[in-house]
N, C-alpha and C. Protein backbone atom coordinates (compact mmCIF):
# COMPACT_ATOMS: atom_id res chain seq x y z
N MET A 1 163.59 48.71 -3.37
CA MET A 1 164.07 49.97 -2.87
C MET A 1 164.91 50.64 -3.96
N ARG A 2 164.66 51.90 -4.21
CA ARG A 2 165.37 52.66 -5.22
C ARG A 2 166.43 53.53 -4.55
N THR A 3 167.63 53.47 -5.10
CA THR A 3 168.73 54.29 -4.59
C THR A 3 169.04 55.37 -5.61
N GLU A 4 169.08 56.61 -5.15
CA GLU A 4 169.43 57.73 -6.03
C GLU A 4 170.94 57.79 -6.18
N LEU A 5 171.37 58.01 -7.40
CA LEU A 5 172.79 58.16 -7.64
C LEU A 5 173.22 59.58 -7.29
N PRO A 6 174.32 59.72 -6.58
CA PRO A 6 174.81 61.07 -6.32
C PRO A 6 175.36 61.68 -7.61
N ILE A 7 175.24 62.97 -7.75
CA ILE A 7 175.82 63.68 -8.88
C ILE A 7 177.13 64.28 -8.38
N ILE A 8 178.22 63.85 -9.00
CA ILE A 8 179.55 64.24 -8.55
C ILE A 8 180.06 65.37 -9.44
N ASP A 9 180.55 66.42 -8.80
CA ASP A 9 181.11 67.55 -9.52
C ASP A 9 182.60 67.28 -9.74
N PHE A 10 182.99 67.16 -10.99
CA PHE A 10 184.38 66.87 -11.35
C PHE A 10 185.35 67.88 -10.74
N THR A 11 184.89 69.11 -10.57
CA THR A 11 185.78 70.17 -10.06
C THR A 11 185.87 70.21 -8.54
N ALA A 12 185.08 69.40 -7.84
CA ALA A 12 185.12 69.38 -6.38
C ALA A 12 186.39 68.69 -5.88
N GLN A 13 186.89 69.14 -4.75
CA GLN A 13 188.10 68.54 -4.18
C GLN A 13 187.93 67.06 -3.86
N ASP A 14 186.73 66.67 -3.47
CA ASP A 14 186.51 65.27 -3.09
C ASP A 14 185.99 64.43 -4.26
N ALA A 15 186.08 64.93 -5.48
CA ALA A 15 185.54 64.20 -6.64
C ALA A 15 186.11 62.78 -6.77
N PRO A 16 187.42 62.58 -6.66
CA PRO A 16 187.93 61.21 -6.79
C PRO A 16 187.34 60.25 -5.76
N GLN A 17 187.24 60.71 -4.52
CA GLN A 17 186.69 59.86 -3.46
C GLN A 17 185.20 59.61 -3.67
N ALA A 18 184.46 60.66 -4.06
CA ALA A 18 183.01 60.52 -4.28
C ALA A 18 182.74 59.61 -5.47
N PHE A 19 183.53 59.73 -6.52
CA PHE A 19 183.38 58.88 -7.71
C PHE A 19 183.61 57.42 -7.33
N THR A 20 184.69 57.17 -6.61
CA THR A 20 185.00 55.81 -6.18
C THR A 20 183.92 55.24 -5.28
N ALA A 21 183.45 56.05 -4.34
CA ALA A 21 182.40 55.59 -3.42
C ALA A 21 181.13 55.24 -4.19
N SER A 22 180.75 56.06 -5.16
CA SER A 22 179.55 55.78 -5.94
C SER A 22 179.69 54.47 -6.70
N LEU A 23 180.85 54.25 -7.29
CA LEU A 23 181.07 52.98 -8.01
C LEU A 23 180.99 51.79 -7.07
N HIS A 24 181.59 51.91 -5.89
CA HIS A 24 181.56 50.81 -4.92
C HIS A 24 180.16 50.55 -4.39
N GLU A 25 179.41 51.61 -4.15
CA GLU A 25 178.10 51.47 -3.53
C GLU A 25 176.99 51.12 -4.52
N THR A 26 177.09 51.61 -5.76
CA THR A 26 175.99 51.40 -6.70
C THR A 26 176.41 50.74 -8.01
N GLY A 27 177.71 50.77 -8.33
CA GLY A 27 178.18 50.26 -9.61
C GLY A 27 178.11 51.30 -10.72
N PHE A 28 177.66 52.50 -10.39
CA PHE A 28 177.51 53.58 -11.38
C PHE A 28 178.00 54.89 -10.77
N ALA A 29 178.20 55.87 -11.66
CA ALA A 29 178.53 57.22 -11.19
C ALA A 29 178.01 58.21 -12.22
N VAL A 30 177.56 59.35 -11.72
CA VAL A 30 177.10 60.44 -12.57
C VAL A 30 177.99 61.63 -12.27
N MET A 31 178.63 62.18 -13.32
CA MET A 31 179.56 63.26 -13.10
C MET A 31 179.17 64.48 -13.93
N GLN A 32 179.25 65.64 -13.32
CA GLN A 32 178.98 66.89 -14.03
C GLN A 32 180.25 67.74 -14.03
N ASN A 33 180.29 68.71 -14.92
CA ASN A 33 181.42 69.62 -15.06
C ASN A 33 182.72 68.92 -15.43
N HIS A 34 182.61 67.78 -16.14
CA HIS A 34 183.80 67.07 -16.59
C HIS A 34 184.30 67.71 -17.89
N PRO A 35 185.55 67.45 -18.25
CA PRO A 35 186.13 68.11 -19.43
C PRO A 35 185.85 67.41 -20.76
N LEU A 36 185.05 66.36 -20.78
CA LEU A 36 184.80 65.62 -22.02
C LEU A 36 183.69 66.29 -22.83
N ALA A 37 183.98 66.56 -24.08
CA ALA A 37 182.98 67.17 -24.96
C ALA A 37 181.89 66.15 -25.28
N GLN A 38 180.65 66.63 -25.39
CA GLN A 38 179.52 65.74 -25.69
C GLN A 38 179.74 64.99 -26.99
N GLY A 39 180.33 65.65 -27.98
CA GLY A 39 180.60 65.00 -29.25
C GLY A 39 181.55 63.82 -29.12
N LEU A 40 182.54 63.94 -28.25
CA LEU A 40 183.47 62.84 -28.00
C LEU A 40 182.74 61.66 -27.37
N ILE A 41 181.90 61.93 -26.39
CA ILE A 41 181.14 60.87 -25.72
C ILE A 41 180.23 60.16 -26.72
N GLU A 42 179.53 60.92 -27.55
CA GLU A 42 178.65 60.33 -28.55
C GLU A 42 179.44 59.50 -29.55
N GLY A 43 180.63 59.96 -29.91
CA GLY A 43 181.49 59.21 -30.82
C GLY A 43 181.93 57.88 -30.24
N ILE A 44 182.26 57.89 -28.95
CA ILE A 44 182.67 56.65 -28.28
C ILE A 44 181.51 55.65 -28.27
N TYR A 45 180.32 56.11 -27.91
CA TYR A 45 179.16 55.21 -27.91
C TYR A 45 178.89 54.67 -29.31
N SER A 46 179.05 55.48 -30.32
CA SER A 46 178.84 55.05 -31.70
C SER A 46 179.85 53.98 -32.09
N GLU A 47 181.11 54.18 -31.71
CA GLU A 47 182.15 53.18 -32.01
C GLU A 47 181.87 51.87 -31.29
N TRP A 48 181.45 51.94 -30.02
CA TRP A 48 181.12 50.73 -29.27
C TRP A 48 179.97 49.98 -29.93
N ALA A 49 178.92 50.71 -30.30
CA ALA A 49 177.76 50.08 -30.93
C ALA A 49 178.18 49.37 -32.21
N HIS A 50 179.01 50.03 -33.00
CA HIS A 50 179.48 49.41 -34.25
C HIS A 50 180.31 48.17 -33.95
N PHE A 51 181.25 48.27 -33.00
CA PHE A 51 182.11 47.15 -32.65
C PHE A 51 181.30 45.92 -32.24
N PHE A 52 180.29 46.11 -31.40
CA PHE A 52 179.52 44.98 -30.89
C PHE A 52 178.55 44.41 -31.93
N GLN A 53 178.41 45.08 -33.07
CA GLN A 53 177.62 44.54 -34.18
C GLN A 53 178.48 43.69 -35.12
N THR A 54 179.78 43.61 -34.86
CA THR A 54 180.69 42.86 -35.72
C THR A 54 181.17 41.60 -35.00
N GLU A 55 181.80 40.73 -35.77
CA GLU A 55 182.37 39.51 -35.18
C GLU A 55 183.67 39.79 -34.44
N ALA A 56 184.23 40.99 -34.60
CA ALA A 56 185.49 41.33 -33.94
C ALA A 56 185.41 41.19 -32.42
N LYS A 57 184.22 41.33 -31.88
CA LYS A 57 184.06 41.23 -30.42
C LYS A 57 184.54 39.87 -29.90
N HIS A 58 184.47 38.84 -30.73
CA HIS A 58 184.86 37.49 -30.30
C HIS A 58 186.37 37.34 -30.14
N ILE A 59 187.14 38.25 -30.72
CA ILE A 59 188.59 38.23 -30.53
C ILE A 59 188.93 38.48 -29.06
N TYR A 60 188.05 39.19 -28.38
CA TYR A 60 188.28 39.58 -26.99
C TYR A 60 187.38 38.79 -26.04
N ALA A 61 187.18 37.52 -26.34
CA ALA A 61 186.28 36.68 -25.53
C ALA A 61 186.75 36.61 -24.08
N ARG A 62 185.81 36.37 -23.22
CA ARG A 62 186.03 36.29 -21.77
C ARG A 62 187.22 35.40 -21.44
N ASP A 63 188.06 35.89 -20.56
CA ASP A 63 189.18 35.15 -20.02
C ASP A 63 188.78 34.73 -18.61
N ALA A 64 188.45 33.47 -18.44
CA ALA A 64 187.94 32.99 -17.15
C ALA A 64 188.96 33.16 -16.03
N GLU A 65 190.23 33.10 -16.33
CA GLU A 65 191.26 33.25 -15.29
C GLU A 65 191.33 34.68 -14.77
N HIS A 66 191.20 35.67 -15.66
CA HIS A 66 191.33 37.06 -15.26
C HIS A 66 189.98 37.79 -15.15
N HIS A 67 188.90 37.11 -15.50
CA HIS A 67 187.54 37.68 -15.42
C HIS A 67 187.43 38.98 -16.20
N ASP A 68 187.96 38.98 -17.42
CA ASP A 68 187.82 40.16 -18.26
C ASP A 68 187.52 39.73 -19.69
N GLY A 69 187.20 40.69 -20.52
CA GLY A 69 186.92 40.42 -21.91
C GLY A 69 185.44 40.51 -22.22
N TYR A 70 185.09 40.09 -23.42
CA TYR A 70 183.71 40.14 -23.91
C TYR A 70 182.93 38.95 -23.36
N PHE A 71 181.87 39.23 -22.64
CA PHE A 71 180.99 38.19 -22.11
C PHE A 71 179.82 38.06 -23.08
N SER A 72 179.87 37.06 -23.94
CA SER A 72 178.80 36.88 -24.93
C SER A 72 177.52 36.45 -24.23
N PRO A 73 176.39 36.52 -24.95
CA PRO A 73 175.12 36.05 -24.36
C PRO A 73 175.17 34.57 -23.95
N ALA A 74 176.09 33.81 -24.52
CA ALA A 74 176.21 32.40 -24.16
C ALA A 74 176.71 32.22 -22.72
N VAL A 75 177.40 33.22 -22.18
CA VAL A 75 177.95 33.10 -20.83
C VAL A 75 177.49 34.21 -19.89
N SER A 76 176.57 35.05 -20.33
CA SER A 76 176.13 36.17 -19.49
C SER A 76 174.61 36.21 -19.39
N GLU A 77 174.15 37.02 -18.46
CA GLU A 77 172.71 37.22 -18.29
C GLU A 77 172.16 37.99 -19.49
N THR A 78 171.01 37.59 -19.97
CA THR A 78 170.41 38.27 -21.12
C THR A 78 169.03 38.81 -20.80
N ALA A 79 168.71 38.95 -19.52
CA ALA A 79 167.39 39.43 -19.12
C ALA A 79 167.14 40.85 -19.58
């Protein structure tokens, strides 16, 4: 079964609630009319891609007690 993601308008009064609901229900959210410039978003993705190509990612290895950090392929799904 395929679930369509709702498109949330950042400027709508119910945007915070709709954003939260989408994350809870699907694990994702799609937002339009947000104040982030496309160049900033592309820069962030570029920095992430570079970071995960380096060994620096291992400095932030998974913390089993707090369930956060970098989940390497040795401890995560790789499908």
